[in-house]
PDB file of N, CA and C in Angstrom:
ATOM      1  N   MET A   1       0.819  -1.195   0.000  1.00  0.00           N
ATOM      2  CA  MET A   1       0.000   0.000   0.000  1.00  0.00           C
ATOM      3  C   MET A   1       0.863   1.259   0.000  1.00  0.00           C
ATOM      4  N   GLU A   2       2.038   1.149   0.579  1.00  0.00           N
ATOM      5  CA  GLU A   2       2.938   2.304   0.638  1.00  0.00           C
ATOM      6  C   GLU A   2       3.345   2.738  -0.772  1.00  0.00           C
ATOM      7  N   ARG A   3       3.599   1.775  -1.648  1.00  0.00           N
ATOM      8  CA  ARG A   3       3.970   2.113  -3.028  1.00  0.00           C
ATOM      9  C   ARG A   3       2.838   2.856  -3.716  1.00  0.00           C
ATOM     10  N   ALA A   4       1.597   2.457  -3.461  1.00  0.00           N
ATOM     11  CA  ALA A   4       0.449   3.132  -4.076  1.00  0.00           C
ATOM     12  C   ALA A   4       0.387   4.593  -3.644  1.00  0.00           C
ATOM     13  N   LYS A   5       0.598   4.857  -2.360  1.00  0.00           N
ATOM     14  CA  LYS A   5       0.564   6.235  -1.864  1.00  0.00           C
ATOM     15  C   LYS A   5       1.704   7.053  -2.459  1.00  0.00           C
ATOM     16  N   ASP A   6       2.863   6.441  -2.633  1.00  0.00           N
ATOM     17  CA  ASP A   6       3.994   7.131  -3.258  1.00  0.00           C
ATOM     18  C   ASP A   6       3.665   7.512  -4.701  1.00  0.00           C
ATOM     19  N   LEU A   7       3.075   6.570  -5.444  1.00  0.00           N
ATOM     20  CA  LEU A   7       2.730   6.838  -6.836  1.00  0.00           C
ATOM     21  C   LEU A   7       1.656   7.915  -6.946  1.00  0.00           C
ATOM     22  N   ILE A   8       0.660   7.855  -6.098  1.00  0.00           N
ATOM     23  CA  ILE A   8      -0.398   8.863  -6.113  1.00  0.00           C
ATOM     24  C   ILE A   8       0.193  10.238  -5.805  1.00  0.00           C
ATOM     25  N   GLY A   9       1.085  10.300  -4.833  1.00  0.00           N
ATOM     26  CA  GLY A   9       1.751  11.563  -4.498  1.00  0.00           C
ATOM     27  C   GLY A   9       2.568  12.094  -5.652  1.00  0.00           C
ATOM     28  N   LYS A  10       3.278  11.218  -6.344  1.00  0.00           N
ATOM     29  CA  LYS A  10       4.086  11.643  -7.492  1.00  0.00           C
ATOM     30  C   LYS A  10       3.191  12.157  -8.622  1.00  0.00           C
ATOM     31  N   ILE A  11       2.087  11.474  -8.857  1.00  0.00           N
ATOM     32  CA  ILE A  11       1.156  11.902  -9.909  1.00  0.00           C
ATOM     33  C   ILE A  11       0.574  13.267  -9.561  1.00  0.00           C
ATOM     34  N   GLN A  12       0.137  13.442  -8.318  1.00  0.00           N
ATOM     35  CA  GLN A  12      -0.408  14.728  -7.891  1.00  0.00           C
ATOM     36  C   GLN A  12       0.623  15.842  -8.046  1.00  0.00           C
ATOM     37  N   LYS A  13       1.854  15.570  -7.671  1.00  0.00           N
ATOM     38  CA  LYS A  13       2.919  16.567  -7.773  1.00  0.00           C
ATOM     39  C   LYS A  13       3.149  16.978  -9.225  1.00  0.00           C
ATOM     40  N   GLU A  14       3.179  16.006 -10.131  1.00  0.00           N
ATOM     41  CA  GLU A  14       3.389  16.296 -11.551  1.00  0.00           C
ATOM     42  C   GLU A  14       2.250  17.142 -12.122  1.00  0.00           C
ATOM     43  N   VAL A  15       1.023  16.826 -11.741  1.00  0.00           N
ATOM     44  CA  VAL A  15      -0.130  17.570 -12.256  1.00  0.00           C
ATOM     45  C   VAL A  15      -0.171  18.976 -11.674  1.00  0.00           C
ATOM     46  N   TYR A  16      -0.022  19.093 -10.355  1.00  0.00           N
ATOM     47  CA  TYR A  16      -0.091  20.409  -9.701  1.00  0.00           C
ATOM     48  C   TYR A  16       1.049  21.330 -10.108  1.00  0.00           C
ATOM     49  N   SER A  17       2.196  20.769 -10.443  1.00  0.00           N
ATOM     50  CA  SER A  17       3.330  21.601 -10.864  1.00  0.00           C
ATOM     51  C   SER A  17       3.225  22.023 -12.333  1.00  0.00           C
ATOM     52  N   GLY A  18       2.293  21.422 -13.063  1.00  0.00           N
ATOM     53  CA  GLY A  18       2.106  21.781 -14.466  1.00  0.00           C
ATOM     54  C   GLY A  18       2.959  20.987 -15.431  1.00  0.00           C
ATOM     55  N   ASN A  19       3.699  20.016 -14.931  1.00  0.00           N
ATOM     56  CA  ASN A  19       4.524  19.182 -15.806  1.00  0.00           C
ATOM     57  C   ASN A  19       3.680  18.253 -16.668  1.00  0.00           C
ATOM     58  N   VAL A  20       2.464  17.952 -16.197  1.00  0.00           N
ATOM     59  CA  VAL A  20       1.534  17.076 -16.906  1.00  0.00           C
ATOM     60  C   VAL A  20       0.190  17.799 -16.950  1.00  0.00           C
ATOM     61  N   ASN A  21      -0.541  17.662 -18.042  1.00  0.00           N
ATOM     62  CA  ASN A  21      -1.866  18.281 -18.158  1.00  0.00           C
ATOM     63  C   ASN A  21      -2.805  17.757 -17.084  1.00  0.00           C
ATOM     64  N   SER A  22      -3.867  18.512 -16.803  1.00  0.00           N
ATOM     65  CA  SER A  22      -4.836  18.080 -15.784  1.00  0.00           C
ATOM     66  C   SER A  22      -5.599  16.842 -16.243  1.00  0.00           C
ATOM     67  N   LYS A  23      -5.698  16.641 -17.548  1.00  0.00           N
ATOM     68  CA  LYS A  23      -6.260  15.408 -18.111  1.00  0.00           C
ATOM     69  C   LYS A  23      -5.077  14.610 -18.640  1.00  0.00           C
ATOM     70  N   PHE A  24      -4.862  13.439 -18.107  1.00  0.00           N
ATOM     71  CA  PHE A  24      -3.626  12.710 -18.388  1.00  0.00           C
ATOM     72  C   PHE A  24      -3.871  11.241 -18.658  1.00  0.00           C
ATOM     73  N   ARG A  25      -2.843  10.613 -19.195  1.00  0.00           N
ATOM     74  CA  ARG A  25      -2.814   9.174 -19.456  1.00  0.00           C
ATOM     75  C   ARG A  25      -1.663   8.563 -18.661  1.00  0.00           C
ATOM     76  N   ALA A  26      -1.702   7.287 -18.458  1.00  0.00           N
ATOM     77  CA  ALA A  26      -0.632   6.606 -17.715  1.00  0.00           C
ATOM     78  C   ALA A  26       0.714   6.811 -18.401  1.00  0.00           C
ATOM     79  N   THR A  27       0.716   6.898 -19.709  1.00  0.00           N
ATOM     80  CA  THR A  27       1.975   7.058 -20.450  1.00  0.00           C
ATOM     81  C   THR A  27       2.593   8.436 -20.256  1.00  0.00           C
ATOM     82  N   ASP A  28       1.859   9.380 -19.669  1.00  0.00           N
ATOM     83  CA  ASP A  28       2.403  10.709 -19.397  1.00  0.00           C
ATOM     84  C   ASP A  28       3.405  10.701 -18.243  1.00  0.00           C
ATOM     85  N   PHE A  29       3.416   9.634 -17.474  1.00  0.00           N
ATOM     86  CA  PHE A  29       4.279   9.543 -16.302  1.00  0.00           C
ATOM     87  C   PHE A  29       5.389   8.539 -16.556  1.00  0.00           C
ATOM     88  N   LYS A  30       6.601   9.045 -16.642  1.00  0.00           N
ATOM     89  CA  LYS A  30       7.748   8.176 -16.941  1.00  0.00           C
ATOM     90  C   LYS A  30       8.043   7.202 -15.805  1.00  0.00           C
ATOM     91  N   PHE A  31       7.637   7.533 -14.585  1.00  0.00           N
ATOM     92  CA  PHE A  31       7.935   6.667 -13.447  1.00  0.00           C
ATOM     93  C   PHE A  31       6.970   5.487 -13.329  1.00  0.00           C
ATOM     94  N   LEU A  32       5.884   5.478 -14.100  1.00  0.00           N
ATOM     95  CA  LEU A  32       4.980   4.321 -14.086  1.00  0.00           C
ATOM     96  C   LEU A  32       5.538   3.256 -15.020  1.00  0.00           C
ATOM     97  N   LYS A  33       5.784   2.088 -14.491  1.00  0.00           N
ATOM     98  CA  LYS A  33       6.290   0.983 -15.290  1.00  0.00           C
ATOM     99  C   LYS A  33       5.182   0.470 -16.206  1.00  0.00           C
ATOM    100  N   PRO A  34       5.533  -0.167 -17.307  1.00  0.00           N
ATOM    101  CA  PRO A  34       4.498  -0.745 -18.178  1.00  0.00           C
ATOM    102  C   PRO A  34       3.563  -1.699 -17.425  1.00  0.00           C
ATOM    103  N   SER A  35       4.075  -2.386 -16.437  1.00  0.00           N
ATOM    104  CA  SER A  35       3.231  -3.298 -15.664  1.00  0.00           C
ATOM    105  C   SER A  35       2.299  -2.547 -14.706  1.00  0.00           C
ATOM    106  N   SER A  36       2.508  -1.241 -14.544  1.00  0.00           N
ATOM    107  CA  SER A  36       1.672  -0.423 -13.649  1.00  0.00           C
ATOM    108  C   SER A  36       0.701   0.465 -14.410  1.00  0.00           C
ATOM    109  N   ARG A  37       0.519   0.229 -15.682  1.00  0.00           N
ATOM    110  CA  ARG A  37      -0.331   1.096 -16.504  1.00  0.00           C
ATOM    111  C   ARG A  37      -1.793   1.086 -16.035  1.00  0.00           C
ATOM    112  N   ASN A  38      -2.266  -0.021 -15.463  1.00  0.00           N
ATOM    113  CA  ASN A  38      -3.656  -0.076 -15.014  1.00  0.00           C
ATOM    114  C   ASN A  38      -3.831   0.509 -13.608  1.00  0.00           C
ATOM    115  N   PHE A  39      -2.784   1.073 -13.058  1.00  0.00           N
ATOM    116  CA  PHE A  39      -2.831   1.671 -11.727  1.00  0.00           C
ATOM    117  C   PHE A  39      -3.898   2.764 -11.643  1.00  0.00           C
ATOM    118  N   LEU A  40      -3.991   3.603 -12.669  1.00  0.00           N
ATOM    119  CA  LEU A  40      -4.966   4.687 -12.659  1.00  0.00           C
ATOM    120  C   LEU A  40      -6.387   4.136 -12.607  1.00  0.00           C
ATOM    121  N   TRP A  41      -6.656   3.126 -13.415  1.00  0.00           N
ATOM    122  CA  TRP A  41      -7.996   2.539 -13.407  1.00  0.00           C
ATOM    123  C   TRP A  41      -8.320   1.905 -12.058  1.00  0.00           C
ATOM    124  N   LYS A  42      -7.346   1.218 -11.475  1.00  0.00           N
ATOM    125  CA  LYS A  42      -7.580   0.553 -10.189  1.00  0.00           C
ATOM    126  C   LYS A  42      -8.018   1.531  -9.110  1.00  0.00           C
ATOM    127  N   HIS A  43      -7.555   2.766  -9.186  1.00  0.00           N
ATOM    128  CA  HIS A  43      -7.868   3.778  -8.173  1.00  0.00           C
ATOM    129  C   HIS A  43      -8.827   4.843  -8.707  1.00  0.00           C
ATOM    130  N   SER A  44      -9.658   4.452  -9.689  1.00  0.00           N
ATOM    131  CA  SER A  44     -10.593   5.404 -10.299  1.00  0.00           C
ATOM    132  C   SER A  44     -12.033   5.110  -9.891  1.00  0.00           C
ATOM    133  N   ASN A  45     -12.911   6.007 -10.279  1.00  0.00           N
ATOM    134  CA  ASN A  45     -14.331   5.854  -9.994  1.00  0.00           C
ATOM    135  C   ASN A  45     -14.970   4.730 -10.801  1.00  0.00           C
ATOM    136  N   GLN A  46     -14.284   4.173 -11.776  1.00  0.00           N
ATOM    137  CA  GLN A  46     -14.830   3.093 -12.599  1.00  0.00           C
ATOM    138  C   GLN A  46     -14.616   1.707 -12.005  1.00  0.00           C
ATOM    139  N   ASN A  47     -13.765   1.588 -11.003  1.00  0.00           N
ATOM    140  CA  ASN A  47     -13.483   0.300 -10.382  1.00  0.00           C
ATOM    141  C   ASN A  47     -14.517   0.057  -9.284  1.00  0.00           C
ATOM    142  N   LYS A  48     -15.498  -0.757  -9.590  1.00  0.00           N
ATOM    143  CA  LYS A  48     -16.591  -1.019  -8.648  1.00  0.00           C
ATOM    144  C   LYS A  48     -16.154  -1.878  -7.462  1.00  0.00           C
ATOM    145  N   LYS A  49     -15.023  -2.556  -7.581  1.00  0.00           N
ATOM    146  CA  LYS A  49     -14.537  -3.417  -6.499  1.00  0.00           C
ATOM    147  C   LYS A  49     -13.566  -2.709  -5.561  1.00  0.00           C
ATOM    148  N   LEU A  50     -13.282  -1.441  -5.834  1.00  0.00           N
ATOM    149  CA  LEU A  50     -12.337  -0.681  -5.018  1.00  0.00           C
ATOM    150  C   LEU A  50     -12.874  -0.520  -3.604  1.00  0.00           C
ATOM    151  N   LYS A  51     -12.065  -0.868  -2.622  1.00  0.00           N
ATOM    152  CA  LYS A  51     -12.465  -0.759  -1.227  1.00  0.00           C
ATOM    153  C   LYS A  51     -11.748   0.377  -0.523  1.00  0.00           C
ATOM    154  N   GLY A  52     -10.994   1.150  -1.258  1.00  0.00           N
ATOM    155  CA  GLY A  52     -10.250   2.271  -0.687  1.00  0.00           C
ATOM    156  C   GLY A  52     -10.738   3.586  -1.254  1.00  0.00           C
ATOM    157  N   ASN A  53      -9.856   4.554  -1.245  1.00  0.00           N
ATOM    158  CA  ASN A  53     -10.193   5.888  -1.742  1.00  0.00           C
ATOM    159  C   ASN A  53     -10.121   5.955  -3.262  1.00  0.00           C
ATOM    160  N   ILE A  54     -10.971   6.783  -3.827  1.00  0.00           N
ATOM    161  CA  ILE A  54     -10.926   7.084  -5.258  1.00  0.00           C
ATOM    162  C   ILE A  54     -10.044   8.314  -5.436  1.00  0.00           C
ATOM    163  N   TYR A  55      -9.017   8.185  -6.261  1.00  0.00           N
ATOM    164  CA  TYR A  55      -8.083   9.289  -6.493  1.00  0.00           C
ATOM    165  C   TYR A  55      -8.216   9.890  -7.889  1.00  0.00           C
ATOM    166  N   PHE A  56      -8.766   9.114  -8.833  1.00  0.00           N
ATOM    167  CA  PHE A  56      -8.835   9.554 -10.217  1.00  0.00           C
ATOM    168  C   PHE A  56     -10.245   9.402 -10.767  1.00  0.00           C
ATOM    169  N   LEU A  57     -10.595  10.282 -11.688  1.00  0.00           N
ATOM    170  CA  LEU A  57     -11.853  10.191 -12.402  1.00  0.00           C
ATOM    171  C   LEU A  57     -11.551   9.784 -13.834  1.00  0.00           C
ATOM    172  N   ARG A  58     -12.190   8.730 -14.293  1.00  0.00           N
ATOM    173  CA  ARG A  58     -11.981   8.262 -15.662  1.00  0.00           C
ATOM    174  C   ARG A  58     -12.876   9.075 -16.581  1.00  0.00           C
ATOM    175  N   LEU A  59     -12.275   9.761 -17.540  1.00  0.00           N
ATOM    176  CA  LEU A  59     -13.014  10.602 -18.470  1.00  0.00           C
ATOM    177  C   LEU A  59     -13.418   9.841 -19.721  1.00  0.00           C
ATOM    178  N   GLU A  60     -12.510   9.016 -20.190  1.00  0.00           N
ATOM    179  CA  GLU A  60     -12.745   8.113 -21.312  1.00  0.00           C
ATOM    180  C   GLU A  60     -11.658   7.051 -21.252  1.00  0.00           C
ATOM    181  N   ARG A  61     -11.689   6.125 -22.163  1.00  0.00           N
ATOM    182  CA  ARG A  61     -10.722   5.041 -22.116  1.00  0.00           C
ATOM    183  C   ARG A  61      -9.299   5.587 -22.114  1.00  0.00           C
ATOM    184  N   GLY A  62      -8.596   5.317 -21.017  1.00  0.00           N
ATOM    185  CA  GLY A  62      -7.191   5.720 -20.904  1.00  0.00           C
ATOM    186  C   GLY A  62      -6.956   7.161 -20.499  1.00  0.00           C
ATOM    187  N   LEU A  63      -7.998   7.958 -20.314  1.00  0.00           N
ATOM    188  CA  LEU A  63      -7.845   9.368 -19.981  1.00  0.00           C
ATOM    189  C   LEU A  63      -8.452   9.639 -18.608  1.00  0.00           C
ATOM    190  N   TYR A  64      -7.655  10.264 -17.735  1.00  0.00           N
ATOM    191  CA  TYR A  64      -8.067  10.475 -16.339  1.00  0.00           C
ATOM    192  C   TYR A  64      -7.770  11.900 -15.902  1.00  0.00           C
ATOM    193  N   GLN A  65      -8.343  12.275 -14.767  1.00  0.00           N
ATOM    194  CA  GLN A  65      -7.987  13.502 -14.086  1.00  0.00           C
ATOM    195  C   GLN A  65      -8.048  13.226 -12.595  1.00  0.00           C
ATOM    196  N   LEU A  66      -7.398  14.086 -11.827  1.00  0.00           N
ATOM    197  CA  LEU A  66      -7.430  13.941 -10.375  1.00  0.00           C
ATOM    198  C   LEU A  66      -8.825  14.228  -9.852  1.00  0.00           C
ATOM    199  N   LYS A  67      -9.207  13.527  -8.824  1.00  0.00           N
ATOM    200  CA  LYS A  67     -10.526  13.758  -8.217  1.00  0.00           C
ATOM    201  C   LYS A  67     -10.517  15.035  -7.447  1.00  0.00           C
TER     202      LYS A  67
END
């Protein structure tokens, strides 16, 4: 779970600093490994099985924004 919080923090930092657009894709973040591409979906409003916090809003396939 600690890795998830680190990644969410890094994503928030990139968006708030303006390095990444407010509407983003997983490929916009160089620190996300190819095996972590579904990380955004897992923590989005589209994951009905999520038992934790929602951090991202899915706008369309592959496109997200911070909640």
